[in-house]
Amino acid sequence: METPEEQQDIETLENEFPLKATGAFRAAYLAALKAGNSVLVAIDGHLVRVSPDGSRETIRRIPKPRIIAPGTKFKIGRPAQSVD
């Protein structure tokens, strides 16, 4: 069991995670374009290829993202296997 200080440290890290993740994704996006690679992004329900020159090509429609409330907990495990 964590001490109150350890629990506070964990909560602080968890609260900082979204902002740090956003920065990391943005940096990777820009680095890929700078290296001359295309990047796939979701824009308004479409999968779009962004090229280093800034041009965009719509690849296909994609489902809308699921809205998940902050703090929602998920149990991650193996998917159920079908029995044939």
PDB file of N, CA and C in Angstrom:
ATOM      1  N   MET A   1       0.848  -1.182   0.000  1.00  0.00           N
ATOM      2  CA  MET A   1       0.000   0.000   0.000  1.00  0.00           C
ATOM      3  C   MET A   1       0.890   1.241   0.000  1.00  0.00           C
ATOM      4  N   GLU A   2       0.452   2.237  -0.768  1.00  0.00           N
ATOM      5  CA  GLU A   2       1.256   3.453  -0.882  1.00  0.00           C
ATOM      6  C   GLU A   2       1.057   4.366   0.327  1.00  0.00           C
ATOM      7  N   THR A   3       2.094   5.118   0.603  1.00  0.00           N
ATOM      8  CA  THR A   3       1.975   6.144   1.627  1.00  0.00           C
ATOM      9  C   THR A   3       1.183   7.305   1.022  1.00  0.00           C
ATOM     10  N   PRO A   4       0.666   8.214   1.855  1.00  0.00           N
ATOM     11  CA  PRO A   4      -0.046   9.376   1.308  1.00  0.00           C
ATOM     12  C   PRO A   4       0.822  10.193   0.341  1.00  0.00           C
ATOM     13  N   GLU A   5       2.122  10.288   0.630  1.00  0.00           N
ATOM     14  CA  GLU A   5       3.024  11.031  -0.254  1.00  0.00           C
ATOM     15  C   GLU A   5       3.163  10.331  -1.606  1.00  0.00           C
ATOM     16  N   GLU A   6       3.290   8.996  -1.566  1.00  0.00           N
ATOM     17  CA  GLU A   6       3.391   8.243  -2.818  1.00  0.00           C
ATOM     18  C   GLU A   6       2.096   8.349  -3.628  1.00  0.00           C
ATOM     19  N   GLN A   7       0.978   8.287  -2.938  1.00  0.00           N
ATOM     20  CA  GLN A   7      -0.314   8.421  -3.614  1.00  0.00           C
ATOM     21  C   GLN A   7      -0.435   9.800  -4.261  1.00  0.00           C
ATOM     22  N   GLN A   8       0.016  10.832  -3.574  1.00  0.00           N
ATOM     23  CA  GLN A   8      -0.014  12.185  -4.135  1.00  0.00           C
ATOM     24  C   GLN A   8       0.891  12.282  -5.358  1.00  0.00           C
ATOM     25  N   ASP A   9       2.067  11.661  -5.293  1.00  0.00           N
ATOM     26  CA  ASP A   9       2.983  11.651  -6.438  1.00  0.00           C
ATOM     27  C   ASP A   9       2.336  10.969  -7.643  1.00  0.00           C
ATOM     28  N   ILE A  10       1.658   9.854  -7.400  1.00  0.00           N
ATOM     29  CA  ILE A  10       0.986   9.129  -8.479  1.00  0.00           C
ATOM     30  C   ILE A  10      -0.109   9.992  -9.096  1.00  0.00           C
ATOM     31  N   GLU A  11      -0.903  10.634  -8.262  1.00  0.00           N
ATOM     32  CA  GLU A  11      -1.981  11.489  -8.758  1.00  0.00           C
ATOM     33  C   GLU A  11      -1.432  12.661  -9.565  1.00  0.00           C
ATOM     34  N   THR A  12      -0.322  13.232  -9.113  1.00  0.00           N
ATOM     35  CA  THR A  12       0.301  14.334  -9.849  1.00  0.00           C
ATOM     36  C   THR A  12       0.741  13.863 -11.226  1.00  0.00           C
ATOM     37  N   LEU A  13       1.404  12.721 -11.292  1.00  0.00           N
ATOM     38  CA  LEU A  13       1.835  12.172 -12.581  1.00  0.00           C
ATOM     39  C   LEU A  13       0.648  11.866 -13.490  1.00  0.00           C
ATOM     40  N   GLU A  14      -0.408  11.284 -12.928  1.00  0.00           N
ATOM     41  CA  GLU A  14      -1.592  10.973 -13.722  1.00  0.00           C
ATOM     42  C   GLU A  14      -2.232  12.238 -14.275  1.00  0.00           C
ATOM     43  N   ASN A  15      -2.230  13.308 -13.522  1.00  0.00           N
ATOM     44  CA  ASN A  15      -2.811  14.571 -13.984  1.00  0.00           C
ATOM     45  C   ASN A  15      -1.959  15.230 -15.060  1.00  0.00           C
ATOM     46  N   GLU A  16      -0.647  15.025 -15.021  1.00  0.00           N
ATOM     47  CA  GLU A  16       0.260  15.613 -16.014  1.00  0.00           C
ATOM     48  C   GLU A  16       0.283  14.818 -17.316  1.00  0.00           C
ATOM     49  N   PHE A  17      -0.129  13.567 -17.266  1.00  0.00           N
ATOM     50  CA  PHE A  17      -0.004  12.675 -18.412  1.00  0.00           C
ATOM     51  C   PHE A  17      -0.671  13.193 -19.685  1.00  0.00           C
ATOM     52  N   PRO A  18      -1.934  13.648 -19.647  1.00  0.00           N
ATOM     53  CA  PRO A  18      -2.568  14.088 -20.899  1.00  0.00           C
ATOM     54  C   PRO A  18      -1.811  15.210 -21.606  1.00  0.00           C
ATOM     55  N   LEU A  19      -1.338  16.187 -20.875  1.00  0.00           N
ATOM     56  CA  LEU A  19      -0.608  17.294 -21.495  1.00  0.00           C
ATOM     57  C   LEU A  19       0.723  16.818 -22.081  1.00  0.00           C
ATOM     58  N   LYS A  20       1.425  15.964 -21.355  1.00  0.00           N
ATOM     59  CA  LYS A  20       2.704  15.441 -21.852  1.00  0.00           C
ATOM     60  C   LYS A  20       2.478  14.560 -23.070  1.00  0.00           C
ATOM     61  N   ALA A  21       1.417  13.763 -23.078  1.00  0.00           N
ATOM     62  CA  ALA A  21       1.116  12.901 -24.219  1.00  0.00           C
ATOM     63  C   ALA A  21       0.784  13.745 -25.446  1.00  0.00           C
ATOM     64  N   THR A  22       0.023  14.802 -25.263  1.00  0.00           N
ATOM     65  CA  THR A  22      -0.311  15.695 -26.376  1.00  0.00           C
ATOM     66  C   THR A  22       0.955  16.288 -26.974  1.00  0.00           C
ATOM     67  N   GLY A  23       1.870  16.728 -26.135  1.00  0.00           N
ATOM     68  CA  GLY A  23       3.129  17.296 -26.612  1.00  0.00           C
ATOM     69  C   GLY A  23       3.971  16.265 -27.354  1.00  0.00           C
ATOM     70  N   ALA A  24       3.986  15.044 -26.856  1.00  0.00           N
ATOM     71  CA  ALA A  24       4.772  13.980 -27.493  1.00  0.00           C
ATOM     72  C   ALA A  24       4.190  13.626 -28.864  1.00  0.00           C
ATOM     73  N   PHE A  25       2.867  13.543 -28.957  1.00  0.00           N
ATOM     74  CA  PHE A  25       2.243  13.245 -30.244  1.00  0.00           C
ATOM     75  C   PHE A  25       2.488  14.362 -31.249  1.00  0.00           C
ATOM     76  N   ARG A  26       2.401  15.591 -30.812  1.00  0.00           N
ATOM     77  CA  ARG A  26       2.643  16.731 -31.704  1.00  0.00           C
ATOM     78  C   ARG A  26       4.096  16.726 -32.195  1.00  0.00           C
ATOM     79  N   ALA A  27       5.029  16.466 -31.296  1.00  0.00           N
ATOM     80  CA  ALA A  27       6.438  16.427 -31.671  1.00  0.00           C
ATOM     81  C   ALA A  27       6.699  15.302 -32.681  1.00  0.00           C
ATOM     82  N   ALA A  28       6.090  14.136 -32.472  1.00  0.00           N
ATOM     83  CA  ALA A  28       6.269  13.014 -33.394  1.00  0.00           C
ATOM     84  C   ALA A  28       5.655  13.337 -34.758  1.00  0.00           C
ATOM     85  N   TYR A  29       4.508  13.974 -34.767  1.00  0.00           N
ATOM     86  CA  TYR A  29       3.842  14.391 -36.006  1.00  0.00           C
ATOM     87  C   TYR A  29       4.749  15.329 -36.804  1.00  0.00           C
ATOM     88  N   LEU A  30       5.270  16.348 -36.142  1.00  0.00           N
ATOM     89  CA  LEU A  30       6.146  17.308 -36.819  1.00  0.00           C
ATOM     90  C   LEU A  30       7.461  16.672 -37.269  1.00  0.00           C
ATOM     91  N   ALA A  31       8.023  15.780 -36.457  1.00  0.00           N
ATOM     92  CA  ALA A  31       9.271  15.102 -36.823  1.00  0.00           C
ATOM     93  C   ALA A  31       9.065  14.224 -38.058  1.00  0.00           C
ATOM     94  N   ALA A  32       7.930  13.538 -38.129  1.00  0.00           N
ATOM     95  CA  ALA A  32       7.647  12.684 -39.293  1.00  0.00           C
ATOM     96  C   ALA A  32       7.538  13.530 -40.557  1.00  0.00           C
ATOM     97  N   LEU A  33       6.830  14.641 -40.482  1.00  0.00           N
ATOM     98  CA  LEU A  33       6.702  15.513 -41.650  1.00  0.00           C
ATOM     99  C   LEU A  33       8.053  16.099 -42.044  1.00  0.00           C
ATOM    100  N   LYS A  34       8.830  16.510 -41.056  1.00  0.00           N
ATOM    101  CA  LYS A  34      10.152  17.087 -41.328  1.00  0.00           C
ATOM    102  C   LYS A  34      11.079  16.072 -41.994  1.00  0.00           C
ATOM    103  N   ALA A  35      10.907  14.794 -41.654  1.00  0.00           N
ATOM    104  CA  ALA A  35      11.737  13.731 -42.230  1.00  0.00           C
ATOM    105  C   ALA A  35      11.258  13.337 -43.627  1.00  0.00           C
ATOM    106  N   GLY A  36      10.204  13.988 -44.111  1.00  0.00           N
ATOM    107  CA  GLY A  36       9.714  13.702 -45.458  1.00  0.00           C
ATOM    108  C   GLY A  36       8.660  12.616 -45.530  1.00  0.00           C
ATOM    109  N   ASN A  37       8.097  12.243 -44.399  1.00  0.00           N
ATOM    110  CA  ASN A  37       7.077  11.198 -44.362  1.00  0.00           C
ATOM    111  C   ASN A  37       5.677  11.795 -44.297  1.00  0.00           C
ATOM    112  N   SER A  38       4.702  11.044 -44.777  1.00  0.00           N
ATOM    113  CA  SER A  38       3.300  11.424 -44.629  1.00  0.00           C
ATOM    114  C   SER A  38       2.812  10.949 -43.266  1.00  0.00           C
ATOM    115  N   VAL A  39       1.735  11.573 -42.797  1.00  0.00           N
ATOM    116  CA  VAL A  39       1.161  11.228 -41.509  1.00  0.00           C
ATOM    117  C   VAL A  39      -0.341  11.040 -41.684  1.00  0.00           C
ATOM    118  N   LEU A  40      -0.901   9.990 -41.081  1.00  0.00           N
ATOM    119  CA  LEU A  40      -2.340   9.784 -41.113  1.00  0.00           C
ATOM    120  C   LEU A  40      -2.957  10.395 -39.867  1.00  0.00           C
ATOM    121  N   VAL A  41      -4.032  11.172 -40.075  1.00  0.00           N
ATOM    122  CA  VAL A  41      -4.727  11.813 -38.964  1.00  0.00           C
ATOM    123  C   VAL A  41      -6.232  11.667 -39.160  1.00  0.00           C
ATOM    124  N   ALA A  42      -6.974  11.762 -38.083  1.00  0.00           N
ATOM    125  CA  ALA A  42      -8.433  11.759 -38.145  1.00  0.00           C
ATOM    126  C   ALA A  42      -8.907  13.198 -38.115  1.00  0.00           C
ATOM    127  N   ILE A  43      -9.682  13.582 -39.136  1.00  0.00           N
ATOM    128  CA  ILE A  43     -10.213  14.941 -39.215  1.00  0.00           C
ATOM    129  C   ILE A  43     -11.684  14.854 -39.610  1.00  0.00           C
ATOM    130  N   ASP A  44     -12.553  15.332 -38.730  1.00  0.00           N
ATOM    131  CA  ASP A  44     -13.992  15.394 -39.017  1.00  0.00           C
ATOM    132  C   ASP A  44     -14.558  14.094 -39.580  1.00  0.00           C
ATOM    133  N   GLY A  45     -14.241  12.974 -38.947  1.00  0.00           N
ATOM    134  CA  GLY A  45     -14.796  11.698 -39.367  1.00  0.00           C
ATOM    135  C   GLY A  45     -14.155  11.080 -40.591  1.00  0.00           C
ATOM    136  N   HIS A  46     -12.976  11.577 -40.970  1.00  0.00           N
ATOM    137  CA  HIS A  46     -12.261  11.034 -42.120  1.00  0.00           C
ATOM    138  C   HIS A  46     -10.820  10.721 -41.742  1.00  0.00           C
ATOM    139  N   LEU A  47     -10.278   9.679 -42.350  1.00  0.00           N
ATOM    140  CA  LEU A  47      -8.863   9.378 -42.229  1.00  0.00           C
ATOM    141  C   LEU A  47      -8.174  10.144 -43.351  1.00  0.00           C
ATOM    142  N   VAL A  48      -7.226  11.009 -42.983  1.00  0.00           N
ATOM    143  CA  VAL A  48      -6.602  11.920 -43.937  1.00  0.00           C
ATOM    144  C   VAL A  48      -5.091  11.741 -43.914  1.00  0.00           C
ATOM    145  N   ARG A  49      -4.482  11.667 -45.109  1.00  0.00           N
ATOM    146  CA  ARG A  49      -3.028  11.615 -45.226  1.00  0.00           C
ATOM    147  C   ARG A  49      -2.526  13.040 -45.401  1.00  0.00           C
ATOM    148  N   VAL A  50      -1.674  13.480 -44.468  1.00  0.00           N
ATOM    149  CA  VAL A  50      -1.053  14.801 -44.555  1.00  0.00           C
ATOM    150  C   VAL A  50       0.368  14.602 -45.056  1.00  0.00           C
ATOM    151  N   SER A  51       0.703  15.265 -46.150  1.00  0.00           N
ATOM    152  CA  SER A  51       2.032  15.139 -46.748  1.00  0.00           C
ATOM    153  C   SER A  51       2.952  16.230 -46.242  1.00  0.00           C
ATOM    154  N   PRO A  52       4.260  16.035 -46.366  1.00  0.00           N
ATOM    155  CA  PRO A  52       5.216  17.043 -45.889  1.00  0.00           C
ATOM    156  C   PRO A  52       5.012  18.428 -46.514  1.00  0.00           C
ATOM    157  N   ASP A  53       4.455  18.466 -47.749  1.00  0.00           N
ATOM    158  CA  ASP A  53       4.217  19.768 -48.388  1.00  0.00           C
ATOM    159  C   ASP A  53       2.936  20.435 -47.902  1.00  0.00           C
ATOM    160  N   GLY A  54       2.217  19.764 -46.992  1.00  0.00           N
ATOM    161  CA  GLY A  54       1.002  20.328 -46.419  1.00  0.00           C
ATOM    162  C   GLY A  54      -0.274  19.894 -47.117  1.00  0.00           C
ATOM    163  N   SER A  55      -0.147  19.196 -48.240  1.00  0.00           N
ATOM    164  CA  SER A  55      -1.343  18.743 -48.940  1.00  0.00           C
ATOM    165  C   SER A  55      -2.024  17.633 -48.141  1.00  0.00           C
ATOM    166  N   ARG A  56      -3.338  17.505 -48.361  1.00  0.00           N
ATOM    167  CA  ARG A  56      -4.125  16.513 -47.634  1.00  0.00           C
ATOM    168  C   ARG A  56      -4.917  15.672 -48.616  1.00  0.00           C
ATOM    169  N   GLU A  57      -4.997  14.375 -48.339  1.00  0.00           N
ATOM    170  CA  GLU A  57      -5.762  13.451 -49.165  1.00  0.00           C
ATOM    171  C   GLU A  57      -6.664  12.631 -48.254  1.00  0.00           C
ATOM    172  N   THR A  58      -7.953  12.672 -48.506  1.00  0.00           N
ATOM    173  CA  THR A  58      -8.886  11.879 -47.719  1.00  0.00           C
ATOM    174  C   THR A  58      -8.780  10.423 -48.152  1.00  0.00           C
ATOM    175  N   ILE A  59      -8.560   9.543 -47.185  1.00  0.00           N
ATOM    176  CA  ILE A  59      -8.417   8.113 -47.460  1.00  0.00           C
ATOM    177  C   ILE A  59      -9.778   7.422 -47.377  1.00  0.00           C
ATOM    178  N   ARG A  60     -10.516   7.642 -46.283  1.00  0.00           N
ATOM    179  CA  ARG A  60     -11.847   7.054 -46.125  1.00  0.00           C
ATOM    180  C   ARG A  60     -12.532   7.643 -44.901  1.00  0.00           C
ATOM    181  N   ARG A  61     -13.822   7.362 -44.785  1.00  0.00           N
ATOM    182  CA  ARG A  61     -14.575   7.763 -43.593  1.00  0.00           C
ATOM    183  C   ARG A  61     -14.247   6.798 -42.460  1.00  0.00           C
ATOM    184  N   ILE A  62     -14.284   7.302 -41.236  1.00  0.00           N
ATOM    185  CA  ILE A  62     -14.036   6.461 -40.068  1.00  0.00           C
ATOM    186  C   ILE A  62     -15.123   6.727 -39.034  1.00  0.00           C
ATOM    187  N   PRO A  63     -15.365   5.766 -38.129  1.00  0.00           N
ATOM    188  CA  PRO A  63     -16.380   5.981 -37.091  1.00  0.00           C
ATOM    189  C   PRO A  63     -15.978   7.121 -36.156  1.00  0.00           C
ATOM    190  N   LYS A  64     -16.982   7.757 -35.581  1.00  0.00           N
ATOM    191  CA  LYS A  64     -16.707   8.814 -34.613  1.00  0.00           C
ATOM    192  C   LYS A  64     -16.055   8.200 -33.378  1.00  0.00           C
ATOM    193  N   PRO A  65     -15.188   8.962 -32.708  1.00  0.00           N
ATOM    194  CA  PRO A  65     -14.548   8.415 -31.502  1.00  0.00           C
ATOM    195  C   PRO A  65     -15.559   8.253 -30.373  1.00  0.00           C
ATOM    196  N   ARG A  66     -15.279   7.321 -29.510  1.00  0.00           N
ATOM    197  CA  ARG A  66     -16.108   7.135 -28.317  1.00  0.00           C
ATOM    198  C   ARG A  66     -15.759   8.208 -27.306  1.00  0.00           C
ATOM    199  N   ILE A  67     -16.770   8.747 -26.667  1.00  0.00           N
ATOM    200  CA  ILE A  67     -16.546   9.734 -25.618  1.00  0.00           C
ATOM    201  C   ILE A  67     -16.473   8.972 -24.293  1.00  0.00           C
ATOM    202  N   ILE A  68     -15.347   9.091 -23.620  1.00  0.00           N
ATOM    203  CA  ILE A  68     -15.116   8.398 -22.354  1.00  0.00           C
ATOM    204  C   ILE A  68     -14.916   9.444 -21.273  1.00  0.00           C
ATOM    205  N   ALA A  69     -15.672   9.328 -20.209  1.00  0.00           N
ATOM    206  CA  ALA A  69     -15.566  10.286 -19.107  1.00  0.00           C
ATOM    207  C   ALA A  69     -14.220  10.139 -18.413  1.00  0.00           C
ATOM    208  N   PRO A  70     -13.599  11.261 -18.045  1.00  0.00           N
ATOM    209  CA  PRO A  70     -12.341  11.181 -17.288  1.00  0.00           C
ATOM    210  C   PRO A  70     -12.546  10.346 -16.029  1.00  0.00           C
ATOM    211  N   GLY A  71     -11.549   9.533 -15.731  1.00  0.00           N
ATOM    212  CA  GLY A  71     -11.604   8.701 -14.531  1.00  0.00           C
ATOM    213  C   GLY A  71     -12.237   7.334 -14.762  1.00  0.00           C
ATOM    214  N   THR A  72     -12.743   7.092 -15.977  1.00  0.00           N
ATOM    215  CA  THR A  72     -13.331   5.791 -16.276  1.00  0.00           C
ATOM    216  C   THR A  72     -12.250   4.722 -16.194  1.00  0.00           C
ATOM    217  N   LYS A  73     -12.570   3.609 -15.559  1.00  0.00           N
ATOM    218  CA  LYS A  73     -11.600   2.531 -15.403  1.00  0.00           C
ATOM    219  C   LYS A  73     -11.976   1.386 -16.330  1.00  0.00           C
ATOM    220  N   PHE A  74     -10.958   0.779 -16.917  1.00  0.00           N
ATOM    221  CA  PHE A  74     -11.142  -0.327 -17.841  1.00  0.00           C
ATOM    222  C   PHE A  74     -10.395  -1.535 -17.320  1.00  0.00           C
ATOM    223  N   LYS A  75     -10.965  -2.694 -17.556  1.00  0.00           N
ATOM    224  CA  LYS A  75     -10.266  -3.932 -17.249  1.00  0.00           C
ATOM    225  C   LYS A  75      -9.744  -4.457 -18.574  1.00  0.00           C
ATOM    226  N   ILE A  76      -8.449  -4.595 -18.663  1.00  0.00           N
ATOM    227  CA  ILE A  76      -7.822  -5.051 -19.899  1.00  0.00           C
ATOM    228  C   ILE A  76      -7.481  -6.519 -19.750  1.00  0.00           C
ATOM    229  N   GLY A  77      -7.921  -7.298 -20.680  1.00  0.00           N
ATOM    230  CA  GLY A  77      -7.665  -8.726 -20.635  1.00  0.00           C
ATOM    231  C   GLY A  77      -7.780  -9.310 -22.023  1.00  0.00           C
ATOM    232  N   ARG A  78      -7.705 -10.598 -22.097  1.00  0.00           N
ATOM    233  CA  ARG A  78      -7.819 -11.272 -23.372  1.00  0.00           C
ATOM    234  C   ARG A  78      -9.262 -11.209 -23.858  1.00  0.00           C
ATOM    235  N   PRO A  79      -9.454 -11.000 -25.161  1.00  0.00           N
ATOM    236  CA  PRO A  79     -10.820 -11.012 -25.683  1.00  0.00           C
ATOM    237  C   PRO A  79     -11.401 -12.424 -25.613  1.00  0.00           C
ATOM    238  N   ALA A  80     -12.697 -12.495 -25.500  1.00  0.00           N
ATOM    239  CA  ALA A  80     -13.351 -13.806 -25.451  1.00  0.00           C
ATOM    240  C   ALA A  80     -13.136 -14.526 -26.762  1.00  0.00           C
ATOM    241  N   GLN A  81     -12.891 -15.812 -26.690  1.00  0.00           N
ATOM    242  CA  GLN A  81     -12.662 -16.610 -27.893  1.00  0.00           C
ATOM    243  C   GLN A  81     -13.949 -17.355 -28.242  1.00  0.00           C
ATOM    244  N   SER A  82     -14.247 -17.385 -29.531  1.00  0.00           N
ATOM    245  CA  SER A  82     -15.456 -18.096 -29.956  1.00  0.00           C
ATOM    246  C   SER A  82     -15.183 -19.598 -29.961  1.00  0.00           C
ATOM    247  N   VAL A  83     -16.226 -20.346 -29.719  1.00  0.00           N
ATOM    248  CA  VAL A  83     -16.127 -21.807 -29.714  1.00  0.00           C
ATOM    249  C   VAL A  83     -16.848 -22.307 -30.946  1.00  0.00           C
ATOM    250  N   ASP A  84     -16.124 -22.989 -31.811  1.00  0.00           N
ATOM    251  CA  ASP A  84     -16.737 -23.507 -33.045  1.00  0.00           C
ATOM    252  C   ASP A  84     -16.986 -24.974 -32.956  1.00  0.00           C
TER     253      ASP A  84
END
